[in-house]
């Protein structure tokens, strides 16, 4: 499913993210090619991911395990 916003990240583990703010759905695509969809992710968390010095660390601390996946 296409998201409203796609962000290419400069990360050693995450290739890009796509976010639909209306549905609060976040797709995280890793360099391995696997994509996971996280639900109920607020816009402020996605903004933080886009600005993080280390997207991988931010993802581990703020997203993974905190939001349900599809």
PDB file of N, CA and C in Angstrom:
ATOM      1  N   UNK A   1       0.836  -1.181   0.000  1.00  0.00           N
ATOM      2  CA  UNK A   1       0.000   0.000   0.000  1.00  0.00           C
ATOM      3  C   UNK A   1       0.882   1.245   0.000  1.00  0.00           C
ATOM      4  N   UNK A   2       0.647   2.170  -0.891  1.00  0.00           N
ATOM      5  CA  UNK A   2       1.429   3.395  -0.976  1.00  0.00           C
ATOM      6  C   UNK A   2       1.071   4.327   0.184  1.00  0.00           C
ATOM      7  N   UNK A   3       2.047   4.957   0.726  1.00  0.00           N
ATOM      8  CA  UNK A   3       1.854   5.890   1.836  1.00  0.00           C
ATOM      9  C   UNK A   3       1.965   7.323   1.317  1.00  0.00           C
ATOM     10  N   UNK A   4       1.473   8.261   2.078  1.00  0.00           N
ATOM     11  CA  UNK A   4       1.444   9.661   1.663  1.00  0.00           C
ATOM     12  C   UNK A   4       2.835  10.296   1.617  1.00  0.00           C
ATOM     13  N   UNK A   5       3.768   9.794   2.413  1.00  0.00           N
ATOM     14  CA  UNK A   5       5.093  10.393   2.523  1.00  0.00           C
ATOM     15  C   UNK A   5       6.142   9.289   2.525  1.00  0.00           C
ATOM     16  N   UNK A   6       7.136   9.395   1.648  1.00  0.00           N
ATOM     17  CA  UNK A   6       8.228   8.427   1.617  1.00  0.00           C
ATOM     18  C   UNK A   6       9.527   9.155   1.927  1.00  0.00           C
ATOM     19  N   UNK A   7      10.312   8.595   2.845  1.00  0.00           N
ATOM     20  CA  UNK A   7      11.571   9.207   3.260  1.00  0.00           C
ATOM     21  C   UNK A   7      12.689   8.192   3.077  1.00  0.00           C
ATOM     22  N   UNK A   8      13.674   8.524   2.259  1.00  0.00           N
ATOM     23  CA  UNK A   8      14.877   7.703   2.085  1.00  0.00           C
ATOM     24  C   UNK A   8      15.826   8.067   3.216  1.00  0.00           C
ATOM     25  N   UNK A   9      16.285   7.072   3.967  1.00  0.00           N
ATOM     26  CA  UNK A   9      17.150   7.334   5.115  1.00  0.00           C
ATOM     27  C   UNK A   9      18.600   6.971   4.818  1.00  0.00           C
ATOM     28  N   UNK A  10      19.502   7.736   5.420  1.00  0.00           N
ATOM     29  CA  UNK A  10      20.928   7.442   5.347  1.00  0.00           C
ATOM     30  C   UNK A  10      21.244   6.572   6.562  1.00  0.00           C
ATOM     31  N   UNK A  11      20.969   5.286   6.444  1.00  0.00           N
ATOM     32  CA  UNK A  11      21.091   4.368   7.566  1.00  0.00           C
ATOM     33  C   UNK A  11      21.727   3.070   7.096  1.00  0.00           C
ATOM     34  N   UNK A  12      22.465   2.432   7.995  1.00  0.00           N
ATOM     35  CA  UNK A  12      23.096   1.162   7.640  1.00  0.00           C
ATOM     36  C   UNK A  12      22.113   0.002   7.668  1.00  0.00           C
ATOM     37  N   UNK A  13      20.946   0.180   8.312  1.00  0.00           N
ATOM     38  CA  UNK A  13      19.983  -0.926   8.368  1.00  0.00           C
ATOM     39  C   UNK A  13      18.648  -0.605   7.707  1.00  0.00           C
ATOM     40  N   UNK A  14      18.207   0.654   7.742  1.00  0.00           N
ATOM     41  CA  UNK A  14      16.910   1.029   7.178  1.00  0.00           C
ATOM     42  C   UNK A  14      17.118   1.724   5.846  1.00  0.00           C
ATOM     43  N   UNK A  15      16.449   1.229   4.818  1.00  0.00           N
ATOM     44  CA  UNK A  15      16.540   1.822   3.490  1.00  0.00           C
ATOM     45  C   UNK A  15      15.642   3.044   3.383  1.00  0.00           C
ATOM     46  N   UNK A  16      14.352   2.842   3.696  1.00  0.00           N
ATOM     47  CA  UNK A  16      13.409   3.954   3.613  1.00  0.00           C
ATOM     48  C   UNK A  16      12.197   3.673   4.478  1.00  0.00           C
ATOM     49  N   UNK A  17      11.436   4.734   4.732  1.00  0.00           N
ATOM     50  CA  UNK A  17      10.161   4.600   5.425  1.00  0.00           C
ATOM     51  C   UNK A  17       9.103   5.303   4.599  1.00  0.00           C
ATOM     52  N   UNK A  18       7.880   4.830   4.729  1.00  0.00           N
ATOM     53  CA  UNK A  18       6.735   5.464   4.084  1.00  0.00           C
ATOM     54  C   UNK A  18       5.667   5.608   5.154  1.00  0.00           C
ATOM     55  N   UNK A  19       5.016   6.770   5.186  1.00  0.00           N
ATOM     56  CA  UNK A  19       4.095   7.063   6.274  1.00  0.00           C
ATOM     57  C   UNK A  19       2.802   7.654   5.759  1.00  0.00           C
ATOM     58  N   UNK A  20       1.696   7.167   6.292  1.00  0.00           N
ATOM     59  CA  UNK A  20       0.369   7.706   6.016  1.00  0.00           C
ATOM     60  C   UNK A  20      -0.120   8.349   7.312  1.00  0.00           C
ATOM     61  N   UNK A  21      -0.038   9.689   7.415  1.00  0.00           N
ATOM     62  CA  UNK A  21      -0.403  10.339   8.672  1.00  0.00           C
ATOM     63  C   UNK A  21      -1.885  10.197   9.022  1.00  0.00           C
ATOM     64  N   UNK A  22      -2.761  10.135   8.040  1.00  0.00           N
ATOM     65  CA  UNK A  22      -4.197  10.008   8.318  1.00  0.00           C
ATOM     66  C   UNK A  22      -4.508   8.666   8.979  1.00  0.00           C
ATOM     67  N   UNK A  23      -3.846   7.608   8.534  1.00  0.00           N
ATOM     68  CA  UNK A  23      -4.066   6.267   9.084  1.00  0.00           C
ATOM     69  C   UNK A  23      -3.059   5.910  10.178  1.00  0.00           C
ATOM     70  N   UNK A  24      -2.026   6.745  10.353  1.00  0.00           N
ATOM     71  CA  UNK A  24      -0.934   6.493  11.296  1.00  0.00           C
ATOM     72  C   UNK A  24      -0.260   5.152  11.039  1.00  0.00           C
ATOM     73  N   UNK A  25      -0.032   4.857   9.755  1.00  0.00           N
ATOM     74  CA  UNK A  25       0.652   3.626   9.348  1.00  0.00           C
ATOM     75  C   UNK A  25       2.052   3.962   8.857  1.00  0.00           C
ATOM     76  N   UNK A  26       3.029   3.246   9.360  1.00  0.00           N
ATOM     77  CA  UNK A  26       4.424   3.453   8.998  1.00  0.00           C
ATOM     78  C   UNK A  26       4.987   2.168   8.408  1.00  0.00           C
ATOM     79  N   UNK A  27       5.454   2.233   7.166  1.00  0.00           N
ATOM     80  CA  UNK A  27       6.162   1.116   6.534  1.00  0.00           C
ATOM     81  C   UNK A  27       7.653   1.361   6.704  1.00  0.00           C
ATOM     82  N   UNK A  28       8.361   0.392   7.236  1.00  0.00           N
ATOM     83  CA  UNK A  28       9.815   0.482   7.385  1.00  0.00           C
ATOM     84  C   UNK A  28      10.424  -0.591   6.489  1.00  0.00           C
ATOM     85  N   UNK A  29      11.215  -0.163   5.500  1.00  0.00           N
ATOM     86  CA  UNK A  29      11.878  -1.090   4.588  1.00  0.00           C
ATOM     87  C   UNK A  29      13.362  -1.130   4.922  1.00  0.00           C
ATOM     88  N   UNK A  30      13.831  -2.338   5.207  1.00  0.00           N
ATOM     89  CA  UNK A  30      15.229  -2.536   5.568  1.00  0.00           C
ATOM     90  C   UNK A  30      16.045  -2.837   4.318  1.00  0.00           C
ATOM     91  N   UNK A  31      17.354  -2.710   4.419  1.00  0.00           N
ATOM     92  CA  UNK A  31      18.238  -3.000   3.280  1.00  0.00           C
ATOM     93  C   UNK A  31      18.133  -4.463   2.851  1.00  0.00           C
ATOM     94  N   UNK A  32      17.672  -5.314   3.735  1.00  0.00           N
ATOM     95  CA  UNK A  32      17.478  -6.727   3.394  1.00  0.00           C
ATOM     96  C   UNK A  32      16.325  -6.914   2.412  1.00  0.00           C
ATOM     97  N   UNK A  33      15.486  -5.869   2.276  1.00  0.00           N
ATOM     98  CA  UNK A  33      14.327  -5.940   1.400  1.00  0.00           C
ATOM     99  C   UNK A  33      13.028  -6.194   2.141  1.00  0.00           C
ATOM    100  N   UNK A  34      13.113  -6.560   3.407  1.00  0.00           N
ATOM    101  CA  UNK A  34      11.910  -6.813   4.199  1.00  0.00           C
ATOM    102  C   UNK A  34      11.266  -5.496   4.596  1.00  0.00           C
ATOM    103  N   UNK A  35       9.925  -5.469   4.526  1.00  0.00           N
ATOM    104  CA  UNK A  35       9.151  -4.300   4.936  1.00  0.00           C
ATOM    105  C   UNK A  35       8.180  -4.711   6.027  1.00  0.00           C
ATOM    106  N   UNK A  36       8.132  -3.910   7.072  1.00  0.00           N
ATOM    107  CA  UNK A  36       7.200  -4.123   8.174  1.00  0.00           C
ATOM    108  C   UNK A  36       6.313  -2.892   8.292  1.00  0.00           C
ATOM    109  N   UNK A  37       5.028  -3.118   8.559  1.00  0.00           N
ATOM    110  CA  UNK A  37       4.077  -2.019   8.726  1.00  0.00           C
ATOM    111  C   UNK A  37       3.707  -1.903  10.193  1.00  0.00           C
ATOM    112  N   UNK A  38       3.914  -0.716  10.748  1.00  0.00           N
ATOM    113  CA  UNK A  38       3.598  -0.419  12.142  1.00  0.00           C
ATOM    114  C   UNK A  38       2.360   0.463  12.188  1.00  0.00           C
ATOM    115  N   UNK A  39       1.457   0.159  13.118  1.00  0.00           N
ATOM    116  CA  UNK A  39       0.182   0.863  13.247  1.00  0.00           C
ATOM    117  C   UNK A  39       0.209   1.842  14.420  1.00  0.00           C
ATOM    118  N   UNK A  40      -0.645   2.860  14.330  1.00  0.00           N
ATOM    119  CA  UNK A  40      -0.857   3.822  15.418  1.00  0.00           C
ATOM    120  C   UNK A  40       0.405   4.617  15.749  1.00  0.00           C
ATOM    121  N   UNK A  41       1.253   4.857  14.749  1.00  0.00           N
ATOM    122  CA  UNK A  41       2.496   5.599  14.965  1.00  0.00           C
ATOM    123  C   UNK A  41       2.212   7.087  14.765  1.00  0.00           C
ATOM    124  N   UNK A  42       2.385   7.910  15.806  1.00  0.00           N
ATOM    125  CA  UNK A  42       2.121   9.336  15.662  1.00  0.00           C
ATOM    126  C   UNK A  42       3.142  10.029  14.764  1.00  0.00           C
ATOM    127  N   UNK A  43       2.716  11.110  14.155  1.00  0.00           N
ATOM    128  CA  UNK A  43       3.571  11.884  13.252  1.00  0.00           C
ATOM    129  C   UNK A  43       4.842  12.339  13.950  1.00  0.00           C
ATOM    130  N   UNK A  44       4.765  12.713  15.206  1.00  0.00           N
ATOM    131  CA  UNK A  44       5.945  13.201  15.929  1.00  0.00           C
ATOM    132  C   UNK A  44       7.028  12.119  16.008  1.00  0.00           C
ATOM    133  N   UNK A  45       6.653  10.862  16.108  1.00  0.00           N
ATOM    134  CA  UNK A  45       7.625   9.767  16.162  1.00  0.00           C
ATOM    135  C   UNK A  45       8.302   9.603  14.800  1.00  0.00           C
ATOM    136  N   UNK A  46       7.532   9.702  13.725  1.00  0.00           N
ATOM    137  CA  UNK A  46       8.099   9.592  12.372  1.00  0.00           C
ATOM    138  C   UNK A  46       9.033  10.769  12.093  1.00  0.00           C
ATOM    139  N   UNK A  47       8.659  11.961  12.530  1.00  0.00           N
ATOM    140  CA  UNK A  47       9.527  13.132  12.367  1.00  0.00           C
ATOM    141  C   UNK A  47      10.847  12.925  13.097  1.00  0.00           C
ATOM    142  N   UNK A  48      10.759  12.365  14.292  1.00  0.00           N
ATOM    143  CA  UNK A  48      11.973  12.076  15.057  1.00  0.00           C
ATOM    144  C   UNK A  48      12.860  11.071  14.350  1.00  0.00           C
ATOM    145  N   UNK A  49      12.257  10.070  13.740  1.00  0.00           N
ATOM    146  CA  UNK A  49      13.026   9.076  12.981  1.00  0.00           C
ATOM    147  C   UNK A  49      13.747   9.734  11.811  1.00  0.00           C
ATOM    148  N   UNK A  50      13.054  10.603  11.103  1.00  0.00           N
ATOM    149  CA  UNK A  50      13.645  11.272   9.939  1.00  0.00           C
ATOM    150  C   UNK A  50      14.804  12.184  10.343  1.00  0.00           C
ATOM    151  N   UNK A  51      14.763  12.746  11.553  1.00  0.00           N
ATOM    152  CA  UNK A  51      15.805  13.682  12.010  1.00  0.00           C
ATOM    153  C   UNK A  51      16.909  13.018  12.833  1.00  0.00           C
ATOM    154  N   UNK A  52      16.730  11.770  13.202  1.00  0.00           N
ATOM    155  CA  UNK A  52      17.658  11.096  14.120  1.00  0.00           C
ATOM    156  C   UNK A  52      19.063  10.981  13.537  1.00  0.00           C
ATOM    157  N   UNK A  53      20.054  11.120  14.392  1.00  0.00           N
ATOM    158  CA  UNK A  53      21.449  10.914  13.969  1.00  0.00           C
ATOM    159  C   UNK A  53      21.659   9.466  13.561  1.00  0.00           C
ATOM    160  N   UNK A  54      21.005   8.556  14.279  1.00  0.00           N
ATOM    161  CA  UNK A  54      21.065   7.135  13.951  1.00  0.00           C
ATOM    162  C   UNK A  54      19.629   6.615  13.847  1.00  0.00           C
ATOM    163  N   UNK A  55      19.174   6.427  12.627  1.00  0.00           N
ATOM    164  CA  UNK A  55      17.809   5.956  12.411  1.00  0.00           C
ATOM    165  C   UNK A  55      17.611   4.567  13.017  1.00  0.00           C
ATOM    166  N   UNK A  56      18.622   3.723  12.924  1.00  0.00           N
ATOM    167  CA  UNK A  56      18.521   2.377  13.478  1.00  0.00           C
ATOM    168  C   UNK A  56      18.330   2.384  14.981  1.00  0.00           C
ATOM    169  N   UNK A  57      19.099   3.201  15.688  1.00  0.00           N
ATOM    170  CA  UNK A  57      18.970   3.299  17.141  1.00  0.00           C
ATOM    171  C   UNK A  57      17.623   3.889  17.537  1.00  0.00           C
ATOM    172  N   UNK A  58      17.206   4.931  16.817  1.00  0.00           N
ATOM    173  CA  UNK A  58      15.905   5.552  17.091  1.00  0.00           C
ATOM    174  C   UNK A  58      14.790   4.522  16.888  1.00  0.00           C
ATOM    175  N   UNK A  59      14.871   3.783  15.795  1.00  0.00           N
ATOM    176  CA  UNK A  59      13.872   2.753  15.513  1.00  0.00           C
ATOM    177  C   UNK A  59      13.815   1.741  16.650  1.00  0.00           C
ATOM    178  N   UNK A  60      14.969   1.269  17.110  1.00  0.00           N
ATOM    179  CA  UNK A  60      15.029   0.274  18.185  1.00  0.00           C
ATOM    180  C   UNK A  60      14.427   0.814  19.485  1.00  0.00           C
ATOM    181  N   UNK A  61      14.698   2.078  19.808  1.00  0.00           N
ATOM    182  CA  UNK A  61      14.250   2.653  21.075  1.00  0.00           C
ATOM    183  C   UNK A  61      12.811   3.154  21.060  1.00  0.00           C
ATOM    184  N   UNK A  62      12.364   3.688  19.914  1.00  0.00           N
ATOM    185  CA  UNK A  62      11.081   4.394  19.892  1.00  0.00           C
ATOM    186  C   UNK A  62       9.961   3.707  19.113  1.00  0.00           C
ATOM    187  N   UNK A  63      10.294   2.727  18.258  1.00  0.00           N
ATOM    188  CA  UNK A  63       9.262   2.146  17.398  1.00  0.00           C
ATOM    189  C   UNK A  63       9.137   0.630  17.583  1.00  0.00           C
ATOM    190  N   UNK A  64      10.208  -0.082  17.379  1.00  0.00           N
ATOM    191  CA  UNK A  64      10.156  -1.556  17.452  1.00  0.00           C
ATOM    192  C   UNK A  64       9.666  -2.013  18.825  1.00  0.00           C
ATOM    193  N   UNK A  65       8.655  -2.859  18.824  1.00  0.00           N
ATOM    194  CA  UNK A  65       8.105  -3.385  20.058  1.00  0.00           C
ATOM    195  C   UNK A  65       7.135  -2.465  20.778  1.00  0.00           C
ATOM    196  N   UNK A  66       7.003  -1.223  20.305  1.00  0.00           N
ATOM    197  CA  UNK A  66       6.100  -0.259  20.951  1.00  0.00           C
ATOM    198  C   UNK A  66       4.777  -0.099  20.197  1.00  0.00           C
ATOM    199  N   UNK A  67       4.796  -0.430  18.905  1.00  0.00           N
ATOM    200  CA  UNK A  67       3.601  -0.267  18.077  1.00  0.00           C
ATOM    201  C   UNK A  67       3.263  -1.604  17.442  1.00  0.00           C
ATOM    202  N   UNK A  68       1.953  -1.891  17.301  1.00  0.00           N
ATOM    203  CA  UNK A  68       1.564  -3.159  16.678  1.00  0.00           C
ATOM    204  C   UNK A  68       1.936  -3.200  15.192  1.00  0.00           C
ATOM    205  N   UNK A  69       2.173  -4.391  14.682  1.00  0.00           N
ATOM    206  CA  UNK A  69       2.489  -4.568  13.266  1.00  0.00           C
ATOM    207  C   UNK A  69       1.353  -5.293  12.568  1.00  0.00           C
ATOM    208  N   UNK A  70       1.285  -5.071  11.255  1.00  0.00           N
ATOM    209  CA  UNK A  70       0.293  -5.780  10.429  1.00  0.00           C
ATOM    210  C   UNK A  70       0.911  -7.037   9.886  1.00  0.00           C
TER     211      UNK A  70
END
